[in-house]
Amino acid sequence: MSDKEDKPDLSISLSRRKLLAGAGMAAGAAATLGVPGMSMAANSAGKEVRWDLETDVICVGTGSASCTAAVTAASRGAKVIVLEKMPMAGGTTGKSGGITWIPNNQFLVEAGLKDDKADCLKYIARYAYPERYAANSPTLGLSEHDYRMIETFYDNGTRMVDWMAKVEAMTFRPFQLWELEITPPDYGEHLAENKLNKGRALEPAVGAGPYSGGSSLAYQLETWLRNAGVPIMLEHKAEEIIFDGERVVGLVVSHAGKRINIKANKGVIFGSGGYAHNTDLIQRHQSPGLYGSCAAVGSTGDFIGMAQQLGARMGRLDTAWRTPVVLEEALQNRAVAHGVVFAPGDSMIHVNKYGKRCVNEKRNYNDRTRAHFTFDPVNAEYPNLFMFMVFDERTLQRNGGALPIPLDKRESAWLIEGKGAQGLGQQIRQRLQALAGKMGNYTLGDDFEANLDATIQRYNGFAKAGRDEDFDRGLHEYDQIWQKVFSPVREGSDFPSNSHPNSTMHPIDDSTLYAVILAPGALDTSGGPEINEHGQVLAADGQPIKGLYGAGNCVASPVGPAYVGAGGTIGVAMTFAWLAGTHVTGGEA
């Protein structure tokens, strides 16, 4: 047979199936299986592979990374198949705010604002690698690879945005803080290296039917792919990468108990998410803990094992896009709906097991969570591993309904209440006893109550004076601006506005106190195989594995552990997915 006779045209055979991403569509994917007469090839193990399906590019996942790569490859003329192991599409992107952080974007240029490359790279490098950062170094103190990755992001982020608009897949607009219509500052807006500290965050320019935010972003990408005839095959899990000894040539995929071999003539791009719901990988790489995540439940790190079998070089595996989570909610189900991305209230503090404050409670979720991991070398413990968000009646009533503060305290399973520091401490001890066995050997310090009382009095003095001498809470713009969004006033509250000098701090009335136990969690992890500036996965020797690409949370983050601003995850994911989709189809970015 000729190649044409032997290999059916998937753009016809599959697009007819209208394999839409969404609930109830998985059954349609089964109709694509078992195509007869496909060619055979030998894999690296010397076994013959009989191909069930054939295409140019396989994209794994249906979040912003995989779908951006799919849009890019398809818009450049390639035949593409998108695989999703879950029954619904969208991934973690669909649960997100859909914000996309892009340096030097067109809207900054149109506004006459200069996002100088040298300054922007210094900001990212300083934030991501403070232990290595050197302003006068040609690579800012970073390795050549790490420097090249952040430089590639700066150079190509806005080009990705332009491309997505050009092919009519997605248009963006400057992100503003919802109904407040305020342009938010970056998460490290006060760092000296950040010369332009706002305006890089973008959002989808239009909603998609009933969708907004991340669900809108995911839905618009999916809709473009559907209209282009690209199959989105739900409940199809990538199980094994097929390597012919020189390059990746396809995937083994499982569906409904069957194994399907799909050939990829040009390459395979993984955008399959992190490993936030793989407890084995978490125990190995996320010490001392990651107790819950609002990532899509399919985020189990499947790509890591497959890439390791090919000899891929692993980048950092201990990083994550972090957020505190409510401990007791996460213990019931680690797949939580939301993290405590911003701690609401002004008469509120976080204390550790000794009743002492340990963090600026108003900093961004990623950086605030890292305070949980402080190690005490004398007592050989993590005193901040669990924090207690302590607040009074004012914050309960004024900000009720803002996670983790309940709208009605009678309906909260995790709220702890007590009279004064002494009473609250006793109630916390009782709660910890009830949770024994789920928190290791964790107990409060003997002086928790006395320290909590002293901590509240010290904090109250700061609140009255307007200056937090311990953690600079409210000193920087980020704290003040995001306070307005995440501390909404409950309708009917009879507590007045804060009349003290610092809008983020109000004295705590300790007659009745409340607490919620917070634990370290994540939006998703951000570690995995290392990629290069084209999105190619690297082998142990640093050379690219031909035909294998990755972007998003399934690979080592190109910007390290730095959450540079709102949309810092999606912006990087989409940029490197665009680069991968361009390179796999023979283009140059």
Protein backbone atom coordinates (compact mmCIF):
# COMPACT_ATOMS: atom_id res chain seq x y z
CA MET A 1 0.00 0.00 0.00
CA SER A 2 1.04 3.60 -0.49
CA ASP A 3 1.46 5.84 2.53
CA LYS A 4 -1.70 7.67 1.57
CA GLU A 5 -3.68 4.43 1.40
CA ASP A 6 -2.08 3.04 4.54
CA LYS A 7 -2.57 6.08 6.77
CA PRO A 8 -6.04 7.63 6.96
CA ASP A 9 -6.35 11.40 7.04
CA LEU A 10 -7.17 12.17 10.66
CA SER A 11 -8.28 15.68 9.83
CA ILE A 12 -11.27 13.96 8.20
CA SER A 13 -11.72 10.79 10.19
CA LEU A 14 -11.49 12.45 13.58
CA SER A 15 -12.91 15.92 13.05
CA ARG A 16 -16.20 14.35 12.02
CA ARG A 17 -16.55 13.02 15.53
CA LYS A 18 -16.72 16.52 16.98
CA LEU A 19 -14.78 15.44 20.05
CA LEU A 20 -15.60 18.44 22.17
CA ALA A 21 -13.92 19.06 25.49
CA GLY A 22 -16.59 18.95 28.17
CA ALA A 23 -18.76 16.71 30.28
CA GLY A 24 -20.39 13.80 28.56
CA MET A 25 -18.19 13.87 25.45
CA ALA A 26 -15.74 11.13 26.41
CA ALA A 27 -17.78 8.42 24.71
CA GLY A 28 -17.18 10.07 21.36
CA ALA A 29 -13.47 9.60 21.66
CA ALA A 30 -13.88 5.83 21.57
CA ALA A 31 -15.04 6.12 17.98
CA THR A 32 -11.52 7.12 16.94
CA LEU A 33 -9.94 3.86 18.07
CA GLY A 34 -8.86 0.79 16.19
CA VAL A 35 -8.13 2.32 12.79
CA PRO A 36 -7.08 -0.70 10.68
CA GLY A 37 -4.10 -1.02 8.42
CA MET A 38 -1.78 1.38 10.18
CA SER A 39 2.00 1.11 9.71
CA MET A 40 4.37 -0.56 12.13
CA ALA A 41 7.67 0.60 13.58
CA ALA A 42 10.25 -0.52 16.13
CA ASN A 43 10.61 1.28 19.45
CA SER A 44 13.78 1.63 21.53
CA ALA A 45 13.16 -1.74 23.14
CA GLY A 46 13.20 -3.38 19.73
CA LYS A 47 9.50 -4.22 19.84
CA GLU A 48 7.27 -3.69 16.86
CA VAL A 49 4.67 -0.95 17.37
CA ARG A 50 1.42 -1.15 15.48
CA TRP A 51 -0.03 2.32 15.13
CA ASP A 52 -3.73 2.74 15.77
CA LEU A 53 -3.78 6.45 14.95
CA GLU A 54 -1.43 8.87 13.30
CA THR A 55 -1.05 12.64 13.39
CA ASP A 56 1.67 15.28 13.28
CA VAL A 57 1.56 16.58 16.85
CA ILE A 58 0.09 15.16 20.05
CA CYS A 59 -0.65 17.63 22.85
CA VAL A 60 -1.26 16.16 26.30
CA GLY A 61 -3.62 18.06 28.61
CA THR A 62 -6.34 20.65 28.06
CA GLY A 63 -5.14 23.58 30.16
CA SER A 64 -3.61 26.78 28.83
CA ALA A 65 -0.22 25.16 28.11
CA SER A 66 -1.33 22.20 26.03
CA CYS A 67 -4.12 24.05 24.24
CA THR A 68 -1.85 27.00 23.37
CA ALA A 69 0.64 24.55 21.88
CA ALA A 70 -2.17 22.83 19.99
CA VAL A 71 -3.53 26.12 18.63
CA THR A 72 -0.03 27.16 17.56
CA ALA A 73 0.77 23.89 15.80
CA ALA A 74 -2.63 23.64 14.12
CA SER A 75 -2.53 27.26 12.97
CA ARG A 76 0.82 26.50 11.35
CA GLY A 77 -0.72 23.70 9.30
CA ALA A 78 -0.03 20.64 11.42
CA LYS A 79 -2.51 17.89 12.19
CA VAL A 80 -3.00 17.80 15.94
CA ILE A 81 -4.64 15.52 18.50
CA VAL A 82 -5.26 16.73 22.06
CA LEU A 83 -5.45 14.13 24.83
CA GLU A 84 -7.08 14.60 28.23
CA LYS A 85 -7.20 11.84 30.83
CA MET A 86 -10.09 13.39 32.78
CA PRO A 87 -13.77 13.39 31.72
CA MET A 88 -13.76 17.17 31.41
CA ALA A 89 -11.40 19.64 29.76
CA GLY A 90 -9.79 22.80 31.10
CA GLY A 91 -7.36 21.47 33.68
CA THR A 92 -6.19 23.77 36.45
CA THR A 93 -6.48 26.73 34.08
CA GLY A 94 -10.24 26.27 34.15
CA LYS A 95 -10.22 26.77 37.95
CA SER A 96 -7.94 29.80 37.86
CA GLY A 97 -8.54 33.51 37.48
CA GLY A 98 -7.29 33.33 33.90
CA ILE A 99 -4.80 36.16 34.41
CA THR A 100 -1.69 36.13 32.22
CA TRP A 101 1.48 38.02 33.23
CA ILE A 102 3.29 39.24 30.11
CA PRO A 103 6.26 41.65 30.29
CA ASN A 104 6.59 44.44 27.72
CA ASN A 105 3.11 43.72 26.39
CA GLN A 106 1.46 45.79 23.67
CA PHE A 107 -0.77 47.65 26.11
CA LEU A 108 2.24 48.99 27.98
CA VAL A 109 3.77 50.09 24.71
CA GLU A 110 0.53 51.76 23.60
CA ALA A 111 0.36 53.58 26.94
CA GLY A 112 3.91 54.85 26.47
CA LEU A 113 5.21 52.83 29.41
CA LYS A 114 8.68 51.35 29.02
CA ASP A 115 9.23 47.87 30.37
CA ASP A 116 12.99 47.92 29.94
CA LYS A 117 14.39 44.46 29.25
CA ALA A 118 17.44 44.78 31.50
CA ASP A 119 15.33 46.01 34.42
CA CYS A 120 12.62 43.39 33.95
CA LEU A 121 15.17 40.57 33.83
CA LYS A 122 16.77 41.91 36.99
CA TYR A 123 13.40 41.86 38.72
CA ILE A 124 12.68 38.26 37.72
CA ALA A 125 16.21 37.08 38.52
CA ARG A 126 16.26 38.85 41.89
CA TYR A 127 12.86 37.44 42.83
CA ALA A 128 13.50 33.92 41.56
CA TYR A 129 17.10 33.41 42.65
CA PRO A 130 17.94 35.86 45.47
CA GLU A 131 20.75 33.59 46.67
CA ARG A 132 22.52 33.86 43.31
CA TYR A 133 21.46 37.25 42.01
CA ALA A 134 24.30 39.60 41.05
CA ALA A 135 23.25 42.77 39.24
CA ASN A 136 26.62 43.32 37.54
CA SER A 137 26.99 39.80 36.19
CA PRO A 138 26.29 39.27 32.45
CA THR A 139 23.82 36.55 33.46
CA LEU A 140 22.76 38.34 36.69
CA GLY A 141 24.47 35.58 38.67
CA LEU A 142 22.33 32.86 37.12
CA SER A 143 23.50 29.87 35.12
CA GLU A 144 23.48 30.42 31.37
CA HIS A 145 20.45 28.15 31.09
CA ASP A 146 18.42 29.90 33.77
CA TYR A 147 19.27 33.33 32.37
CA ARG A 148 18.34 32.24 28.86
CA MET A 149 14.96 30.99 30.08
CA ILE A 150 13.90 34.27 31.69
CA GLU A 151 15.27 36.19 28.71
CA THR A 152 13.27 33.96 26.37
CA PHE A 153 10.14 34.67 28.38
CA TYR A 154 10.66 38.42 28.15
CA ASP A 155 11.42 38.28 24.42
CA ASN A 156 8.49 36.06 23.46
CA GLY A 157 5.59 36.64 25.83
CA THR A 158 4.12 39.52 23.88
CA ARG A 159 4.81 37.71 20.58
CA MET A 160 2.68 34.84 21.86
CA VAL A 161 -0.12 37.26 22.71
CA ASP A 162 0.10 38.80 19.24
CA TRP A 163 0.03 35.37 17.58
CA MET A 164 -3.03 34.24 19.53
CA ALA A 165 -4.84 37.39 18.44
CA LYS A 166 -3.67 37.00 14.84
CA VAL A 167 -5.13 33.50 14.52
CA GLU A 168 -8.25 34.66 16.41
CA ALA A 169 -7.82 32.15 19.22
CA MET A 170 -7.59 34.60 22.13
CA THR A 171 -7.43 38.32 22.72
CA PHE A 172 -6.37 39.97 25.94
CA ARG A 173 -6.80 43.27 27.71
CA PRO A 174 -5.07 44.82 30.73
CA PHE A 175 -6.19 43.17 33.95
CA GLN A 176 -7.88 45.32 36.54
CA LEU A 177 -9.05 44.33 39.97
CA TRP A 178 -12.56 43.43 38.99
CA GLU A 179 -15.17 45.93 40.16
CA LEU A 180 -12.52 48.22 41.69
CA GLU A 181 -11.02 49.00 38.28
CA ILE A 182 -7.55 49.27 39.79
CA THR A 183 -4.41 48.07 38.03
CA PRO A 184 -2.78 45.74 40.56
CA PRO A 185 0.90 45.90 41.48
CA ASP A 186 3.22 42.94 40.97
CA TYR A 187 3.78 40.59 43.88
CA GLY A 188 7.32 41.94 44.32
CA GLU A 189 6.33 45.50 43.51
CA HIS A 190 8.51 47.00 46.24
CA LEU A 191 11.75 45.34 45.14
CA ALA A 192 14.23 47.94 43.90
CA GLU A 193 14.79 46.01 40.67
CA ASN A 194 11.12 46.28 39.68
CA LYS A 195 11.11 49.61 37.86
CA LEU A 196 7.68 49.09 36.26
CA ASN A 197 5.64 47.41 38.94
CA LYS A 198 2.22 47.17 37.31
CA GLY A 199 0.55 46.74 33.93
CA ARG A 200 2.03 43.37 32.95
CA ALA A 201 -1.02 41.36 34.01
CA LEU A 202 -3.55 40.66 31.25
CA GLU A 203 -6.90 38.85 31.13
CA PRO A 204 -9.20 37.50 28.40
CA ALA A 205 -10.70 40.48 26.58
CA VAL A 206 -14.13 38.89 26.42
CA GLY A 207 -15.95 36.22 28.34
CA ALA A 208 -17.13 33.04 26.67
CA GLY A 209 -20.85 32.58 27.13
CA PRO A 210 -21.40 31.96 30.85
CA TYR A 211 -17.66 31.69 31.48
CA SER A 212 -15.17 34.23 32.78
CA GLY A 213 -11.62 34.18 34.06
CA GLY A 214 -9.74 30.92 33.66
CA SER A 215 -12.79 28.99 32.50
CA SER A 216 -13.23 31.57 29.74
CA LEU A 217 -9.59 31.30 28.72
CA ALA A 218 -9.75 27.49 28.59
CA TYR A 219 -13.10 27.48 26.81
CA GLN A 220 -11.98 29.92 24.12
CA LEU A 221 -8.90 27.84 23.35
CA GLU A 222 -11.02 24.71 23.24
CA THR A 223 -13.57 26.36 20.97
CA TRP A 224 -10.87 27.44 18.52
CA LEU A 225 -9.51 23.90 18.40
CA ARG A 226 -12.97 22.44 17.92
CA ASN A 227 -13.72 24.83 15.07
CA ALA A 228 -10.38 23.93 13.48
CA GLY A 229 -11.32 20.24 13.53
CA VAL A 230 -8.75 19.31 16.17
CA PRO A 231 -9.93 16.23 18.14
CA ILE A 232 -9.98 16.64 21.91
CA MET A 233 -10.07 13.09 23.21
CA LEU A 234 -11.32 12.91 26.77
CA GLU A 235 -10.57 10.03 29.14
CA HIS A 236 -7.45 9.20 27.12
CA LYS A 237 -4.45 8.92 29.42
CA ALA A 238 -0.87 9.08 28.17
CA GLU A 239 0.88 6.02 29.59
CA GLU A 240 4.18 5.67 27.77
CA ILE A 241 6.36 7.69 25.41
CA ILE A 242 7.40 5.73 22.32
CA PHE A 243 11.02 6.36 21.34
CA ASP A 244 12.59 4.83 18.23
CA GLY A 245 16.17 5.25 19.39
CA GLU A 246 16.59 8.67 17.80
CA ARG A 247 13.43 10.61 18.56
CA VAL A 248 10.03 10.47 20.22
CA VAL A 249 7.57 9.14 17.67
CA GLY A 250 4.34 8.68 19.61
CA LEU A 251 2.49 7.70 22.74
CA VAL A 252 0.86 4.69 24.27
CA VAL A 253 -2.54 5.85 25.51
CA SER A 254 -5.11 4.06 27.63
CA HIS A 255 -8.85 4.44 27.15
CA ALA A 256 -11.71 2.28 28.44
CA GLY A 257 -9.31 -0.54 29.30
CA LYS A 258 -7.62 -0.51 25.89
CA ARG A 259 -4.11 0.55 24.92
CA ILE A 260 -3.85 2.69 21.82
CA ASN A 261 -0.64 3.58 19.99
CA ILE A 262 -0.75 7.06 18.47
CA LYS A 263 1.98 8.09 16.09
CA ALA A 264 3.27 11.67 16.10
CA ASN A 265 5.22 12.50 12.97
CA LYS A 266 6.54 15.79 14.29
CA GLY A 267 6.46 15.52 18.07
CA VAL A 268 4.67 15.25 21.40
CA ILE A 269 4.04 18.26 23.65
CA PHE A 270 3.15 17.71 27.30
CA GLY A 271 1.11 20.34 29.13
CA SER A 272 -0.34 17.86 31.60
CA GLY A 273 -0.05 19.74 34.89
CA GLY A 274 1.99 19.23 38.03
CA TYR A 275 1.90 16.53 40.71
CA ALA A 276 -0.11 18.27 43.42
CA HIS A 277 -2.33 15.21 43.85
CA ASN A 278 0.40 12.57 43.79
CA THR A 279 1.10 11.91 47.46
CA ASP A 280 4.13 9.74 46.73
CA LEU A 281 5.90 12.52 44.81
CA ILE A 282 4.83 15.05 47.43
CA GLN A 283 6.40 13.02 50.22
CA ARG A 284 9.63 12.81 48.23
CA HIS A 285 9.92 16.38 47.01
CA GLN A 286 7.66 18.71 49.01
CA SER A 287 9.10 18.39 52.51
CA PRO A 288 7.86 19.20 55.09
CA GLY A 289 4.45 19.00 53.46
CA LEU A 290 1.83 20.02 50.96
CA TYR A 291 -1.51 19.27 52.56
CA GLY A 292 -3.93 20.18 49.82
CA SER A 293 -4.25 21.75 46.43
CA CYS A 294 -6.86 23.45 44.28
CA ALA A 295 -5.24 22.00 41.14
CA ALA A 296 -7.39 19.87 38.87
CA VAL A 297 -7.57 16.36 40.31
CA GLY A 298 -5.76 15.01 37.27
CA SER A 299 -2.55 16.75 38.37
CA THR A 300 -0.65 13.64 39.40
CA GLY A 301 2.70 14.22 37.70
CA ASP A 302 2.37 11.54 35.03
CA PHE A 303 4.95 13.20 32.79
CA ILE A 304 7.75 12.96 35.36
CA GLY A 305 7.96 9.17 35.33
CA MET A 306 7.61 8.93 31.57
CA ALA A 307 10.33 11.52 31.02
CA GLN A 308 12.64 9.84 33.51
CA GLN A 309 12.35 6.57 31.60
CA LEU A 310 13.71 8.42 28.57
CA GLY A 311 16.65 9.76 30.58
CA ALA A 312 15.36 13.33 30.81
CA ARG A 313 17.26 15.79 32.95
CA MET A 314 15.21 16.77 35.96
CA GLY A 315 15.08 20.39 36.98
CA ARG A 316 14.00 21.37 40.47
CA LEU A 317 11.23 19.17 41.79
CA ASP A 318 10.66 20.94 45.10
CA THR A 319 8.98 24.06 43.73
CA ALA A 320 5.26 24.86 43.64
CA TRP A 321 2.85 27.72 43.16
CA ARG A 322 1.87 27.82 46.79
CA THR A 323 -1.13 28.88 48.82
CA PRO A 324 -2.20 28.23 52.41
CA VAL A 325 -5.18 25.90 52.73
CA VAL A 326 -7.59 25.25 55.59
CA LEU A 327 -6.05 22.22 57.27
CA GLU A 328 -9.24 20.49 58.35
CA GLU A 329 -10.82 20.90 54.93
CA ALA A 330 -7.71 19.47 53.26
CA LEU A 331 -7.62 16.52 55.66
CA GLN A 332 -11.10 15.58 54.49
CA ASN A 333 -10.16 15.90 50.82
CA ARG A 334 -6.80 17.20 49.65
CA ALA A 335 -8.43 18.43 46.42
CA VAL A 336 -9.75 21.65 47.92
CA ALA A 337 -11.88 24.10 45.99
CA HIS A 338 -9.87 27.19 46.95
CA GLY A 339 -6.78 28.22 48.86
CA VAL A 340 -6.53 31.12 51.29
CA VAL A 341 -4.90 33.30 48.65
CA PHE A 342 -5.28 36.46 50.72
CA ALA A 343 -6.02 36.49 54.43
CA PRO A 344 -9.06 38.76 54.94
CA GLY A 345 -9.68 41.15 57.77
CA ASP A 346 -7.72 43.87 59.53
CA SER A 347 -8.08 42.69 63.15
CA MET A 348 -6.38 39.40 62.31
CA ILE A 349 -2.94 37.81 62.72
CA HIS A 350 -1.18 34.49 62.02
CA VAL A 351 0.69 32.81 64.87
CA ASN A 352 2.74 29.63 65.07
CA LYS A 353 2.71 26.80 67.62
CA TYR A 354 4.30 29.13 70.18
CA GLY A 355 1.69 31.86 69.78
CA LYS A 356 4.06 34.19 67.94
CA ARG A 357 3.54 36.02 64.66
CA CYS A 358 5.75 34.65 61.90
CA VAL A 359 4.82 36.40 58.63
CA ASN A 360 3.33 39.49 57.03
CA GLU A 361 -0.22 38.19 56.81
CA LYS A 362 -1.02 40.34 53.75
CA ARG A 363 1.69 39.15 51.36
CA ASN A 364 0.86 37.10 48.30
CA TYR A 365 -0.14 33.47 48.67
CA ASN A 366 2.99 31.95 47.13
CA ASP A 367 5.49 33.82 49.29
CA ARG A 368 3.35 33.75 52.43
CA THR A 369 3.12 29.97 52.28
CA ARG A 370 6.90 29.61 52.22
CA ALA A 371 6.98 30.95 55.78
CA HIS A 372 5.48 27.60 56.86
CA PHE A 373 8.82 25.95 56.08
CA THR A 374 11.11 27.79 58.51
CA PHE A 375 13.28 25.24 60.29
CA ASP A 376 14.37 25.60 63.91
CA PRO A 377 17.78 23.88 64.19
CA VAL A 378 17.78 23.94 67.99
CA ASN A 379 14.47 22.14 68.50
CA ALA A 380 14.71 20.28 65.17
CA GLU A 381 11.22 21.26 64.10
CA TYR A 382 9.14 23.43 61.80
CA PRO A 383 7.42 25.75 64.28
CA ASN A 384 5.35 27.43 61.55
CA LEU A 385 4.30 24.27 59.74
CA PHE A 386 0.74 24.94 60.84
CA MET A 387 -0.35 28.50 61.49
CA PHE A 388 -3.34 29.75 63.40
CA MET A 389 -5.25 32.59 61.77
CA VAL A 390 -6.53 34.42 64.86
CA PHE A 391 -9.19 37.13 64.63
CA ASP A 392 -11.90 38.83 66.63
CA GLU A 393 -15.61 39.55 66.37
CA ARG A 394 -14.97 42.56 64.14
CA THR A 395 -13.26 40.53 61.41
CA LEU A 396 -15.75 37.66 61.81
CA GLN A 397 -18.75 39.93 61.33
CA ARG A 398 -17.30 42.46 58.91
CA ASN A 399 -15.57 39.99 56.57
CA GLY A 400 -17.70 36.89 57.02
CA GLY A 401 -17.90 34.87 53.82
CA ALA A 402 -14.34 35.66 52.70
CA LEU A 403 -12.40 32.39 52.90
CA PRO A 404 -11.62 31.09 55.48
CA ILE A 405 -14.02 33.20 57.55
CA PRO A 406 -17.51 31.68 57.57
CA LEU A 407 -20.58 33.72 56.74
CA ASP A 408 -22.32 32.04 59.66
CA LYS A 409 -20.05 30.63 62.36
CA ARG A 410 -22.64 27.99 63.24
CA GLU A 411 -22.08 26.39 59.82
CA SER A 412 -18.29 26.17 59.99
CA ALA A 413 -16.65 22.85 60.82
CA TRP A 414 -13.20 24.33 61.22
CA LEU A 415 -13.79 27.54 63.20
CA ILE A 416 -12.38 27.47 66.76
CA GLU A 417 -13.73 29.89 69.38
CA GLY A 418 -12.57 30.85 72.85
CA LYS A 419 -12.68 33.57 75.49
CA GLY A 420 -9.46 35.53 75.34
CA ALA A 421 -6.05 34.08 74.57
CA GLN A 422 -6.36 31.56 77.39
CA GLY A 423 -9.72 30.23 76.26
CA LEU A 424 -8.76 30.11 72.58
CA GLY A 425 -5.55 28.25 73.38
CA GLN A 426 -7.47 25.62 75.34
CA GLN A 427 -9.93 25.13 72.49
CA ILE A 428 -7.11 24.82 69.96
CA ARG A 429 -5.45 22.17 72.13
CA GLN A 430 -8.70 20.19 72.20
CA ARG A 431 -9.02 20.46 68.43
CA LEU A 432 -5.47 19.23 67.95
CA GLN A 433 -6.19 16.25 70.18
CA ALA A 434 -9.14 15.39 67.94
CA LEU A 435 -6.83 15.57 64.95
CA ALA A 436 -4.09 13.47 66.55
CA GLY A 437 -2.64 11.00 64.10
CA LYS A 438 -3.29 13.28 61.13
CA MET A 439 -0.70 15.93 62.01
CA GLY A 440 2.25 13.87 63.16
CA ASN A 441 3.35 14.65 66.71
CA TYR A 442 2.38 18.31 66.43
CA THR A 443 1.40 20.05 69.69
CA LEU A 444 1.25 23.63 70.92
CA GLY A 445 4.08 25.03 72.97
CA ASP A 446 3.50 25.18 76.71
CA ASP A 447 3.58 28.99 76.60
CA PHE A 448 1.23 29.36 73.62
CA GLU A 449 -1.50 31.19 75.53
CA ALA A 450 0.86 33.62 77.29
CA ASN A 451 2.70 34.34 74.07
CA LEU A 452 -0.55 34.80 72.13
CA ASP A 453 -1.73 37.37 74.65
CA ALA A 454 1.57 39.26 74.40
CA THR A 455 1.53 38.99 70.60
CA ILE A 456 -1.95 40.51 70.39
CA GLN A 457 -0.97 43.40 72.65
CA ARG A 458 2.15 44.08 70.60
CA TYR A 459 0.16 43.91 67.36
CA ASN A 460 -2.47 46.27 68.75
CA GLY A 461 0.22 48.82 69.48
CA PHE A 462 1.42 48.57 65.88
CA ALA A 463 -2.14 48.95 64.59
CA LYS A 464 -2.71 52.12 66.59
CA ALA A 465 0.60 53.60 65.48
CA GLY A 466 0.15 52.51 61.85
CA ARG A 467 3.51 50.73 61.52
CA ASP A 468 4.16 47.00 61.81
CA GLU A 469 7.69 46.94 63.22
CA ASP A 470 7.95 43.16 62.89
CA PHE A 471 6.84 42.38 59.32
CA ASP A 472 6.03 45.70 57.58
CA ARG A 473 2.41 44.72 57.04
CA GLY A 474 0.65 47.37 54.99
CA LEU A 475 3.83 49.27 54.25
CA HIS A 476 3.83 48.38 50.55
CA GLU A 477 1.21 48.96 47.89
CA TYR A 478 0.46 45.29 47.30
CA ASP A 479 -0.82 44.78 50.84
CA GLN A 480 -3.13 47.78 50.66
CA ILE A 481 -4.52 47.22 47.16
CA TRP A 482 -5.28 43.51 47.46
CA GLN A 483 -6.81 44.11 50.91
CA LYS A 484 -9.58 45.99 49.13
CA VAL A 485 -10.41 42.98 46.99
CA PHE A 486 -10.12 40.10 49.42
CA SER A 487 -11.56 41.74 52.52
CA PRO A 488 -15.07 42.56 51.27
CA VAL A 489 -17.46 43.95 53.85
CA ARG A 490 -20.36 41.64 54.57
CA GLU A 491 -23.75 43.17 53.91
CA GLY A 492 -25.38 44.18 57.15
CA SER A 493 -22.16 44.42 59.17
CA ASP A 494 -22.37 47.10 61.85
CA PHE A 495 -18.61 47.41 62.37
CA PRO A 496 -17.22 50.69 61.02
CA SER A 497 -14.42 51.23 58.55
CA ASN A 498 -10.86 51.21 59.82
CA SER A 499 -9.99 54.68 61.12
CA HIS A 500 -6.42 53.78 62.07
CA PRO A 501 -3.40 54.94 60.03
CA ASN A 502 -2.75 51.57 58.36
CA SER A 503 -5.76 50.21 56.47
CA THR A 504 -4.55 46.61 56.82
CA MET A 505 -4.26 46.74 60.63
CA HIS A 506 -6.90 47.28 63.32
CA PRO A 507 -6.52 46.49 67.04
CA ILE A 508 -7.84 43.05 68.01
CA ASP A 509 -10.56 42.87 70.67
CA ASP A 510 -9.49 39.78 72.61
CA SER A 511 -12.69 39.31 74.63
CA THR A 512 -13.76 36.62 72.16
CA LEU A 513 -11.27 35.19 69.72
CA TYR A 514 -11.55 32.85 66.75
CA ALA A 515 -9.00 30.73 64.91
CA VAL A 516 -8.67 28.64 61.78
CA ILE A 517 -5.74 26.24 61.29
CA LEU A 518 -3.82 26.90 58.07
CA ALA A 519 -1.47 24.46 56.38
CA PRO A 520 0.88 24.74 53.39
CA GLY A 521 -0.83 23.91 50.11
CA ALA A 522 -0.49 24.76 46.45
CA LEU A 523 -2.28 25.86 43.33
CA ASP A 524 -0.09 23.18 41.74
CA THR A 525 3.54 22.10 41.74
CA SER A 526 5.96 23.62 39.23
CA GLY A 527 8.82 21.13 39.03
CA GLY A 528 9.75 18.48 36.52
CA PRO A 529 11.92 17.84 33.48
CA GLU A 530 14.09 20.71 32.31
CA ILE A 531 13.30 22.38 28.99
CA ASN A 532 15.21 24.77 26.75
CA GLU A 533 14.21 28.00 25.04
CA HIS A 534 12.22 26.08 22.40
CA GLY A 535 10.25 24.09 24.96
CA GLN A 536 12.26 20.95 24.15
CA VAL A 537 12.80 18.51 27.00
CA LEU A 538 16.49 18.02 27.73
CA ALA A 539 18.31 14.73 28.16
CA ALA A 540 20.78 14.11 30.98
CA ASP A 541 23.62 15.43 28.82
CA GLY A 542 21.81 18.72 28.25
CA GLN A 543 20.91 17.99 24.64
CA PRO A 544 17.26 18.08 23.57
CA ILE A 545 15.31 14.85 23.27
CA LYS A 546 14.11 15.12 19.69
CA GLY A 547 10.36 15.21 19.31
CA LEU A 548 9.59 15.79 23.02
CA TYR A 549 8.39 19.11 24.42
CA GLY A 550 6.85 20.43 27.62
CA ALA A 551 5.29 23.58 29.05
CA GLY A 552 3.35 24.64 32.10
CA ASN A 553 3.34 22.98 35.50
CA CYS A 554 4.55 19.58 34.26
CA VAL A 555 8.08 20.92 33.64
CA ALA A 556 10.61 22.83 35.74
CA SER A 557 9.43 26.42 35.85
CA PRO A 558 11.40 28.69 33.50
CA VAL A 559 11.21 31.43 36.15
CA GLY A 560 12.14 29.23 39.08
CA PRO A 561 10.06 29.59 42.24
CA ALA A 562 9.19 33.26 41.67
CA TYR A 563 5.52 34.16 41.40
CA VAL A 564 6.26 37.49 39.75
CA GLY A 565 2.70 38.83 39.67
CA ALA A 566 -0.93 37.94 39.06
CA GLY A 567 -0.95 35.49 36.15
CA GLY A 568 2.69 34.58 36.63
CA THR A 569 1.96 30.88 36.05
CA ILE A 570 -0.23 31.13 32.95
CA GLY A 571 1.93 33.76 31.23
CA VAL A 572 5.02 31.55 31.35
CA ALA A 573 3.03 28.42 30.45
CA MET A 574 1.45 29.94 27.36
CA THR A 575 4.69 31.54 26.17
CA PHE A 576 6.72 28.32 26.25
CA ALA A 577 3.78 26.36 24.84
CA TRP A 578 3.74 28.78 21.89
CA LEU A 579 7.47 28.30 21.46
CA ALA A 580 7.02 24.52 21.54
CA GLY A 581 4.18 24.61 19.04
CA THR A 582 6.27 26.79 16.75
CA HIS A 583 9.43 24.70 16.97
CA VAL A 584 7.72 21.31 16.55
CA THR A 585 6.28 22.51 13.24
CA GLY A 586 9.66 23.65 11.95
CA GLY A 587 9.29 27.33 12.70
CA GLU A 588 11.60 29.77 14.40
CA ALA A 589 10.19 32.02 17.11
